[in-house]
Amino acid sequence: MSRLSNILVFFSISMGMLFGIHYYIWARLVRDTSLPAPYRQLSTALLIALGASMPLTFIVGRVAGRDAARWLNWPAFVWMGLMAFLFLSLIGGDVVRLALFLGKHASTRGAPAAPLDPERRLLLGRLFGALTAAVAGSLGVVALREGLKRVELKRLEISLGRLPRALDGFSIVQLTDVHIGPTIGKTFLDDVVTRTNAVAPDLIVITGDLVDGSVASLREMVAPLARLKAKHGVYFVTGNHEYYAGVEEWMVELGRLGVRVLRNERVIVGDGANSFDLAGIDDHSSHGSAPGHGPDLSRALEGRDPARELVLLAHQPKAIHEAEKNGVGLQLSGHTHGGQIWPWNYLVKLQQPYIAGLARQGGTQLYVSRGTGYWGPPMRLGAPAEVTHIILRAPRT
C-alpha cells in the first residue's frame, strides 16, 4: 500500500471516529434532553464547529502554514481533550444506567412493568447530562492545569554493574517527547534548556519525538537547543513523529544546532578505561518511513567489548526485548507520555511493555520518561511531564 493510500485510510478512519463521537455526544446531551429552542440549535452548531476545528487546524496548517493555523490550534486541541473526557463520562454513565436497569429488571421478573413517566424520564436525562458535563469539565480543568504547569525536574539514581568506579555520579539529563509544534513553542523550550543547563549534566540525551512540524516551520522554535551544554555532548535518536515531519531535514538541522544524531551507531563516552558505550537506534516503527531507516541494534553494537557498560537510547520501550538479549545495561526511552491523560495509560499498556518509571527485564534496566511536553490536548492527568536528571552509580566495593 502506498504512502498516499495509508494517509487516506488513516484520514477516513479518523473522520469516521470523530463523527461518531460527536454524534453520540449530541444525541445524549442535545437530542435526548429535548433542549428547547434556541439552545438546541446553538448547542448543535457549537458541536459542529468544535468538531470541524480539529481536522481544519491540520488542513490550514498544511496549506497556509503554522502562523495561519495558530488561532485554531488552541481551541481545537483543548476541545480534543474535553471531548475525550465528555465521551468517557457519558459512556461510564450509560454503563451504570444499563446495570441499574438490568438489576431492576431482574428483581421484578414476572411482575407487570410499571408505565414510564415521560416527564420523570426527561428530568433524569437532563440531570444525567448536566452531571456528566460537570464531571468532564472538572477533569478537563484539572488536566489543563497539569499540562500547562512548569515541567517537573525529576532526579533519580540508577546503579550499573559495569560502570567504572571513576564515573560514579556521572549525570545524564534525558529530554523526550517535547513535541514542539502547534501549541508548544520557543518559550517552553527556552525554559527547558535553561533548567537542563542549570544542573550541569555530563551528558544530554533526547530520545525522540522532539518536533511536530517541518524544519521550515519550526526552525526558530527549536533554536534554543543550540544553548544545551554538557561535557560529553548532546545526543538524539529519532521518534515516530520525526518521520511525519521530514526526518532527513531534521537530522541536518539538529547537527547544525550541535546535537549529534545516533542512527544505529555507538560512541564512547569518557576517556580510556573510565568510559562506557552509548548506543542509539532508529525508532521501532521507522522501517519504510524513510530510505535506509529502521532500528538495527546489531549494527550499532558490532565489535563491542561486552565487558564495558552499555547505555542504549531507543524511543519506544518495546526495544527492551532486543536490548536484553544484547547485554544492554540501561535503556532510556519515552514515547508513552506515561499515558498522558488517564485512563489512556491502560490502552498504551496494550502496545508497550512498560509505561513509565524504572523497570528491570533480566539483566537490563529500562527507564521510561513520561515526556517533557505533550501531544494533542495541552493536558495531562495522572502523568506529569518531566525533565529527567539521572545519576549513574558504580558498584560498591
Protein backbone atom coordinates (compact mmCIF):
# COMPACT_ATOMS: atom_id res chain seq x y z
CA MET A 1 0.00 0.00 0.00
CA SER A 2 1.41 3.42 -0.97
CA ARG A 3 2.05 6.25 1.49
CA LEU A 4 -0.89 8.20 -0.04
CA SER A 5 -3.18 5.21 0.44
CA ASN A 6 -2.09 4.89 4.07
CA ILE A 7 -2.83 8.57 4.64
CA LEU A 8 -6.27 8.28 3.04
CA VAL A 9 -7.14 5.19 5.09
CA PHE A 10 -5.98 6.89 8.30
CA PHE A 11 -7.89 10.07 7.44
CA SER A 12 -11.08 8.13 6.65
CA ILE A 13 -10.95 6.13 9.88
CA SER A 14 -10.18 9.25 11.93
CA MET A 15 -13.03 11.21 10.38
CA GLY A 16 -15.42 8.31 10.95
CA MET A 17 -14.47 8.09 14.62
CA LEU A 18 -14.66 11.86 15.02
CA PHE A 19 -18.15 11.97 13.53
CA GLY A 20 -19.31 9.02 15.62
CA ILE A 21 -18.08 10.50 18.90
CA HIS A 22 -19.63 13.91 18.18
CA TYR A 23 -22.92 12.31 17.13
CA TYR A 24 -23.02 10.31 20.36
CA ILE A 25 -22.33 13.45 22.45
CA TRP A 26 -25.03 15.35 20.52
CA ALA A 27 -27.54 12.52 20.88
CA ARG A 28 -27.04 12.15 24.64
CA LEU A 29 -26.75 15.84 25.58
CA VAL A 30 -28.93 17.60 22.99
CA ARG A 31 -31.40 15.21 21.40
CA ASP A 32 -32.20 13.04 24.43
CA THR A 33 -32.55 16.02 26.78
CA SER A 34 -35.02 17.75 24.41
CA LEU A 35 -33.33 21.10 24.77
CA PRO A 36 -35.75 23.90 23.86
CA ALA A 37 -35.05 26.40 21.10
CA PRO A 38 -32.77 28.27 20.68
CA TYR A 39 -30.47 26.21 22.98
CA ARG A 40 -30.89 23.10 20.86
CA GLN A 41 -29.81 24.89 17.68
CA LEU A 42 -26.94 26.72 19.42
CA SER A 43 -25.64 23.52 21.04
CA THR A 44 -25.82 21.67 17.72
CA ALA A 45 -23.98 24.46 15.90
CA LEU A 46 -21.31 24.61 18.62
CA LEU A 47 -20.66 20.86 18.44
CA ILE A 48 -20.39 21.03 14.65
CA ALA A 49 -17.94 23.95 14.86
CA LEU A 50 -15.81 22.27 17.53
CA GLY A 51 -15.75 19.00 15.62
CA ALA A 52 -14.76 20.76 12.41
CA SER A 53 -11.98 22.70 14.15
CA MET A 54 -9.93 19.55 14.70
CA PRO A 55 -9.39 18.48 11.06
CA LEU A 56 -9.44 22.14 9.97
CA THR A 57 -6.41 23.03 12.08
CA PHE A 58 -4.35 20.30 10.36
CA ILE A 59 -5.56 21.32 6.89
CA VAL A 60 -4.94 25.04 7.42
CA GLY A 61 -1.51 24.31 8.92
CA ARG A 62 -0.53 22.20 5.90
CA VAL A 63 -1.89 24.59 3.28
CA ALA A 64 -1.31 28.04 4.75
CA GLY A 65 1.43 27.42 7.32
CA ARG A 66 1.86 27.36 11.09
CA ASP A 67 1.07 31.03 11.70
CA ALA A 68 -2.24 30.86 9.83
CA ALA A 69 -3.35 27.86 11.92
CA ARG A 70 -2.29 29.32 15.27
CA TRP A 71 -5.68 30.86 16.03
CA LEU A 72 -7.29 27.45 15.52
CA ASN A 73 -4.78 25.29 17.37
CA TRP A 74 -5.66 26.10 20.96
CA PRO A 75 -9.46 25.74 20.77
CA ALA A 76 -9.12 22.61 18.61
CA PHE A 77 -6.68 20.82 20.89
CA VAL A 78 -8.37 21.90 24.11
CA TRP A 79 -11.66 20.60 22.72
CA MET A 80 -9.94 17.35 21.77
CA GLY A 81 -9.19 16.75 25.45
CA LEU A 82 -12.59 17.91 26.70
CA MET A 83 -14.31 15.78 24.07
CA ALA A 84 -12.46 12.70 25.31
CA PHE A 85 -13.46 13.37 28.93
CA LEU A 86 -17.06 14.03 27.90
CA PHE A 87 -17.22 10.88 25.78
CA LEU A 88 -15.80 8.71 28.57
CA SER A 89 -18.11 10.30 31.17
CA LEU A 90 -21.15 9.61 29.00
CA ILE A 91 -20.06 6.04 28.31
CA GLY A 92 -19.44 5.46 32.01
CA GLY A 93 -22.82 6.91 32.90
CA ASP A 94 -24.58 4.79 30.31
CA VAL A 95 -22.90 1.65 31.63
CA VAL A 96 -24.11 2.48 35.16
CA ARG A 97 -27.63 3.20 33.89
CA LEU A 98 -27.69 -0.10 31.99
CA ALA A 99 -26.51 -2.01 35.06
CA LEU A 100 -29.24 -0.40 37.18
CA PHE A 101 -31.86 -1.17 34.56
CA LEU A 102 -30.81 -4.81 34.30
CA GLY A 103 -30.72 -5.12 38.08
CA LYS A 104 -34.20 -3.67 38.41
CA HIS A 105 -35.50 -5.88 35.58
CA ALA A 106 -34.06 -8.99 37.24
CA SER A 107 -35.62 -8.12 40.62
CA THR A 108 -39.10 -7.60 39.10
CA ARG A 109 -39.09 -10.56 36.72
CA GLY A 110 -42.62 -11.85 36.25
CA ALA A 111 -44.24 -8.68 37.60
CA PRO A 112 -46.07 -6.31 35.27
CA ALA A 113 -43.87 -3.49 34.01
CA ALA A 114 -44.58 -0.10 35.52
CA PRO A 115 -45.58 2.55 32.97
CA LEU A 116 -42.81 5.02 32.07
CA ASP A 117 -43.25 8.59 33.20
CA PRO A 118 -42.08 10.76 30.25
CA GLU A 119 -41.57 13.86 32.42
CA ARG A 120 -39.58 11.97 35.01
CA ARG A 121 -37.51 10.31 32.29
CA LEU A 122 -36.76 13.69 30.67
CA LEU A 123 -35.79 15.20 34.04
CA LEU A 124 -33.44 12.32 34.82
CA GLY A 125 -31.95 12.61 31.33
CA ARG A 126 -31.23 16.30 31.83
CA LEU A 127 -29.73 15.69 35.28
CA PHE A 128 -27.56 12.95 33.81
CA GLY A 129 -26.41 15.29 31.03
CA ALA A 130 -25.60 18.07 33.47
CA LEU A 131 -23.71 15.73 35.77
CA THR A 132 -21.59 14.19 33.01
CA ALA A 133 -20.80 17.63 31.57
CA ALA A 134 -19.76 18.83 35.04
CA VAL A 135 -17.52 15.77 35.57
CA ALA A 136 -15.92 16.13 32.14
CA GLY A 137 -15.42 19.87 32.59
CA SER A 138 -13.82 19.40 36.03
CA LEU A 139 -11.45 16.74 34.73
CA GLY A 140 -10.61 18.99 31.79
CA VAL A 141 -9.73 21.93 34.04
CA VAL A 142 -7.51 19.76 36.27
CA ALA A 143 -5.81 18.18 33.24
CA LEU A 144 -5.29 21.56 31.56
CA ARG A 145 -3.70 22.97 34.69
CA GLU A 146 -1.42 19.94 34.97
CA GLY A 147 -0.49 20.07 31.30
CA LEU A 148 0.40 23.76 31.29
CA LYS A 149 2.30 23.97 34.56
CA ARG A 150 6.10 24.17 34.64
CA VAL A 151 7.75 20.84 33.87
CA GLU A 152 8.95 18.85 36.86
CA LEU A 153 12.70 18.25 37.26
CA LYS A 154 12.88 14.60 38.31
CA ARG A 155 16.08 13.24 39.83
CA LEU A 156 16.87 9.55 40.26
CA GLU A 157 19.87 7.32 40.79
CA ILE A 158 20.50 4.17 38.77
CA SER A 159 23.20 1.63 39.63
CA LEU A 160 25.02 -0.03 36.73
CA GLY A 161 27.10 -3.14 37.36
CA ARG A 162 29.82 -2.44 34.75
CA LEU A 163 30.19 1.31 35.28
CA PRO A 164 33.80 2.26 36.13
CA ARG A 165 34.27 3.50 39.69
CA ALA A 166 35.69 6.77 38.36
CA LEU A 167 32.33 7.52 36.70
CA ASP A 168 30.27 7.10 39.86
CA GLY A 169 27.98 10.15 39.94
CA PHE A 170 28.02 10.64 36.16
CA SER A 171 24.90 12.66 35.31
CA ILE A 172 22.59 12.43 32.31
CA VAL A 173 19.64 14.68 31.52
CA GLN A 174 17.00 12.97 29.38
CA LEU A 175 14.58 15.05 27.34
CA THR A 176 11.95 13.28 25.29
CA ASP A 177 8.60 13.79 23.58
CA VAL A 178 8.87 17.58 23.66
CA HIS A 179 6.57 17.86 20.63
CA ILE A 180 7.50 21.37 19.57
CA GLY A 181 4.67 22.35 17.23
CA PRO A 182 1.09 23.62 17.30
CA THR A 183 0.88 24.65 20.98
CA ILE A 184 4.44 24.21 22.29
CA GLY A 185 6.98 26.76 21.13
CA LYS A 186 10.19 28.62 21.77
CA THR A 187 9.29 29.98 25.23
CA PHE A 188 8.66 26.48 26.55
CA LEU A 189 11.89 25.11 25.07
CA ASP A 190 13.91 28.08 26.33
CA ASP A 191 12.85 27.27 29.89
CA VAL A 192 13.63 23.57 29.46
CA VAL A 193 17.11 24.33 28.10
CA THR A 194 17.85 26.80 30.92
CA ARG A 195 16.82 24.30 33.60
CA THR A 196 18.77 21.50 31.91
CA ASN A 197 21.96 23.56 31.82
CA ALA A 198 21.43 24.59 35.45
CA VAL A 199 22.15 21.05 36.71
CA ALA A 200 25.40 20.93 34.66
CA PRO A 201 24.91 17.41 33.27
CA ASP A 202 27.79 15.37 31.93
CA LEU A 203 25.62 14.18 29.04
CA ILE A 204 22.29 15.23 27.49
CA VAL A 205 20.14 12.81 25.52
CA ILE A 206 16.94 13.46 23.56
CA THR A 207 15.02 10.23 22.95
CA GLY A 208 12.75 11.20 20.06
CA ASP A 209 9.51 12.99 19.21
CA LEU A 210 11.15 16.39 19.50
CA VAL A 211 9.01 18.06 16.83
CA ASP A 212 5.60 18.08 15.18
CA GLY A 213 6.27 20.03 12.01
CA SER A 214 8.81 20.73 9.31
CA VAL A 215 12.18 22.43 9.70
CA ALA A 216 10.90 25.37 7.67
CA SER A 217 8.00 25.99 10.07
CA LEU A 218 9.79 25.24 13.36
CA ARG A 219 13.38 26.38 12.84
CA GLU A 220 13.02 29.38 15.15
CA MET A 221 11.09 27.34 17.71
CA VAL A 222 13.91 24.79 18.17
CA ALA A 223 16.75 27.34 18.09
CA PRO A 224 17.21 27.20 21.92
CA LEU A 225 18.64 23.68 21.52
CA ALA A 226 21.90 25.31 20.43
CA ARG A 227 22.33 26.51 24.03
CA LEU A 228 22.38 23.00 25.53
CA LYS A 229 25.72 22.36 27.19
CA ALA A 230 27.17 19.10 28.52
CA LYS A 231 30.76 17.95 28.97
CA HIS A 232 30.26 14.86 26.82
CA GLY A 233 27.80 16.31 24.31
CA VAL A 234 24.14 16.18 23.30
CA TYR A 235 22.74 13.12 21.51
CA PHE A 236 19.46 12.39 19.77
CA VAL A 237 17.58 9.38 18.40
CA THR A 238 14.52 9.54 16.19
CA GLY A 239 10.97 9.01 17.38
CA ASN A 240 7.99 8.17 15.22
CA HIS A 241 6.96 11.83 14.90
CA GLU A 242 10.23 12.83 13.23
CA TYR A 243 9.18 10.61 10.32
CA TYR A 244 5.97 12.63 9.88
CA ALA A 245 7.93 15.89 9.83
CA GLY A 246 10.79 15.32 7.37
CA VAL A 247 13.39 13.25 9.21
CA GLU A 248 16.29 13.87 6.82
CA GLU A 249 15.93 17.65 7.07
CA TRP A 250 15.67 17.44 10.84
CA MET A 251 18.87 15.40 11.15
CA VAL A 252 20.72 18.10 9.24
CA GLU A 253 19.15 20.87 11.34
CA LEU A 254 19.94 19.14 14.63
CA GLY A 255 23.55 18.73 13.53
CA ARG A 256 23.67 22.45 12.81
CA LEU A 257 22.44 23.09 16.37
CA GLY A 258 25.20 20.95 17.86
CA VAL A 259 23.08 17.85 18.52
CA ARG A 260 24.52 14.56 17.27
CA VAL A 261 22.01 12.08 15.85
CA LEU A 262 22.77 8.43 16.61
CA ARG A 263 21.44 6.19 13.86
CA ASN A 264 22.13 2.57 14.73
CA GLU A 265 25.56 3.50 15.97
CA ARG A 266 27.67 3.61 19.11
CA VAL A 267 30.04 6.14 20.65
CA ILE A 268 32.41 6.08 23.62
CA VAL A 269 31.58 8.40 26.49
CA GLY A 270 34.54 9.19 28.75
CA ASP A 271 38.27 8.58 28.45
CA GLY A 272 40.14 5.31 28.17
CA ALA A 273 39.18 2.79 30.83
CA ASN A 274 36.98 5.38 32.53
CA SER A 275 34.27 5.27 29.90
CA PHE A 276 31.13 3.46 28.77
CA ASP A 277 29.38 2.82 25.46
CA LEU A 278 26.39 4.89 24.35
CA ALA A 279 24.31 3.46 21.50
CA GLY A 280 21.29 4.82 19.68
CA ILE A 281 18.84 3.20 17.27
CA ASP A 282 16.18 4.46 14.86
CA ASP A 283 12.58 4.41 16.03
CA HIS A 284 10.96 0.98 16.22
CA SER A 285 8.33 1.88 13.60
CA SER A 286 10.65 3.63 11.13
CA HIS A 287 11.05 0.78 8.62
CA GLY A 288 9.71 2.06 5.31
CA SER A 289 9.16 5.58 6.63
CA ALA A 290 12.36 6.91 5.06
CA PRO A 291 15.00 5.31 2.81
CA GLY A 292 17.54 3.33 4.83
CA HIS A 293 15.84 3.89 8.17
CA GLY A 294 14.90 1.22 10.68
CA PRO A 295 16.27 0.03 14.04
CA ASP A 296 19.37 -2.15 13.86
CA LEU A 297 20.86 -2.81 17.28
CA SER A 298 23.22 -5.49 15.98
CA ARG A 299 24.82 -2.95 13.66
CA ALA A 300 25.16 -0.45 16.50
CA LEU A 301 26.88 -2.99 18.75
CA GLU A 302 29.12 -4.62 16.16
CA GLY A 303 32.60 -5.21 17.59
CA ARG A 304 31.68 -4.04 21.09
CA ASP A 305 33.52 -5.33 24.17
CA PRO A 306 30.77 -6.98 26.28
CA ALA A 307 32.69 -6.21 29.47
CA ARG A 308 32.01 -2.49 29.02
CA GLU A 309 28.88 -0.79 30.32
CA LEU A 310 26.29 0.00 27.67
CA VAL A 311 23.54 2.63 27.67
CA LEU A 312 21.01 2.48 24.84
CA LEU A 313 18.81 5.29 23.53
CA ALA A 314 15.62 3.91 21.97
CA HIS A 315 12.44 5.92 21.57
CA GLN A 316 9.98 3.10 22.25
CA PRO A 317 10.16 0.93 25.40
CA LYS A 318 9.45 -2.22 23.38
CA ALA A 319 13.09 -2.17 22.26
CA ILE A 320 13.83 -3.67 25.69
CA HIS A 321 13.30 -7.20 24.35
CA GLU A 322 16.23 -6.94 21.94
CA ALA A 323 18.23 -4.82 24.38
CA GLU A 324 18.09 -7.57 27.00
CA LYS A 325 19.36 -10.15 24.52
CA ASN A 326 22.32 -7.90 23.61
CA GLY A 327 23.61 -7.13 27.07
CA VAL A 328 22.39 -3.54 27.40
CA GLY A 329 22.84 -2.27 30.95
CA LEU A 330 20.38 0.64 30.74
CA GLN A 331 17.86 1.65 28.10
CA LEU A 332 16.40 5.17 28.08
CA SER A 333 13.05 5.59 26.32
CA GLY A 334 9.97 7.80 26.03
CA HIS A 335 7.06 7.54 23.58
CA THR A 336 4.34 6.62 26.10
CA HIS A 337 3.97 10.01 27.86
CA GLY A 338 3.12 7.84 30.86
CA GLY A 339 -0.32 7.62 29.28
CA GLN A 340 -0.53 11.47 29.43
CA ILE A 341 -4.25 11.52 30.26
CA TRP A 342 -5.80 8.89 32.49
CA PRO A 343 -7.23 6.35 31.60
CA TRP A 344 -5.35 6.18 28.27
CA ASN A 345 -2.41 4.58 30.11
CA TYR A 346 -4.37 1.31 30.04
CA LEU A 347 -4.53 1.47 26.25
CA VAL A 348 -0.82 2.30 26.00
CA LYS A 349 -0.13 -0.82 28.07
CA LEU A 350 -1.57 -2.89 25.22
CA GLN A 351 1.14 -1.55 22.90
CA GLN A 352 4.19 -1.16 25.15
CA PRO A 353 5.63 -3.45 27.85
CA TYR A 354 6.34 -0.57 30.24
CA ILE A 355 4.56 2.79 30.62
CA ALA A 356 6.67 4.93 32.95
CA GLY A 357 9.45 4.80 35.50
CA LEU A 358 12.31 2.42 36.19
CA ALA A 359 11.95 -1.28 35.40
CA ARG A 360 14.19 -4.29 35.03
CA GLN A 361 13.94 -7.08 32.48
CA GLY A 362 16.53 -9.75 33.05
CA GLY A 363 19.90 -8.06 33.34
CA THR A 364 18.74 -4.88 31.60
CA GLN A 365 17.28 -1.82 33.31
CA LEU A 366 14.85 0.46 31.49
CA TYR A 367 13.80 3.98 32.33
CA VAL A 368 10.69 5.29 30.55
CA SER A 369 10.19 9.03 30.85
CA ARG A 370 6.66 10.44 30.96
CA GLY A 371 7.82 13.03 28.43
CA THR A 372 8.84 16.66 28.58
CA GLY A 373 5.94 18.14 26.56
CA TYR A 374 2.63 16.67 25.44
CA TRP A 375 0.91 15.64 22.25
CA GLY A 376 -2.52 16.85 21.14
CA PRO A 377 -4.51 18.31 24.03
CA PRO A 378 -2.39 20.59 26.27
CA MET A 379 -3.44 18.34 29.14
CA ARG A 380 -2.05 15.75 31.50
CA LEU A 381 -3.87 13.76 34.15
CA GLY A 382 -2.04 11.37 36.44
CA ALA A 383 1.16 11.60 34.37
CA PRO A 384 3.08 14.84 34.99
CA ALA A 385 5.73 15.89 32.47
CA GLU A 386 9.39 15.65 33.40
CA VAL A 387 12.95 16.66 32.65
CA THR A 388 14.80 13.61 33.93
CA HIS A 389 18.09 14.06 35.79
CA ILE A 390 19.74 10.64 36.06
CA ILE A 391 22.74 9.97 38.32
CA LEU A 392 24.65 6.80 37.42
CA ARG A 393 26.16 4.82 40.28
CA ALA A 394 29.03 2.36 40.05
CA PRO A 395 29.07 -0.90 42.06
CA ARG A 396 30.14 -0.51 45.68
CA THR A 397 33.36 -2.29 46.56
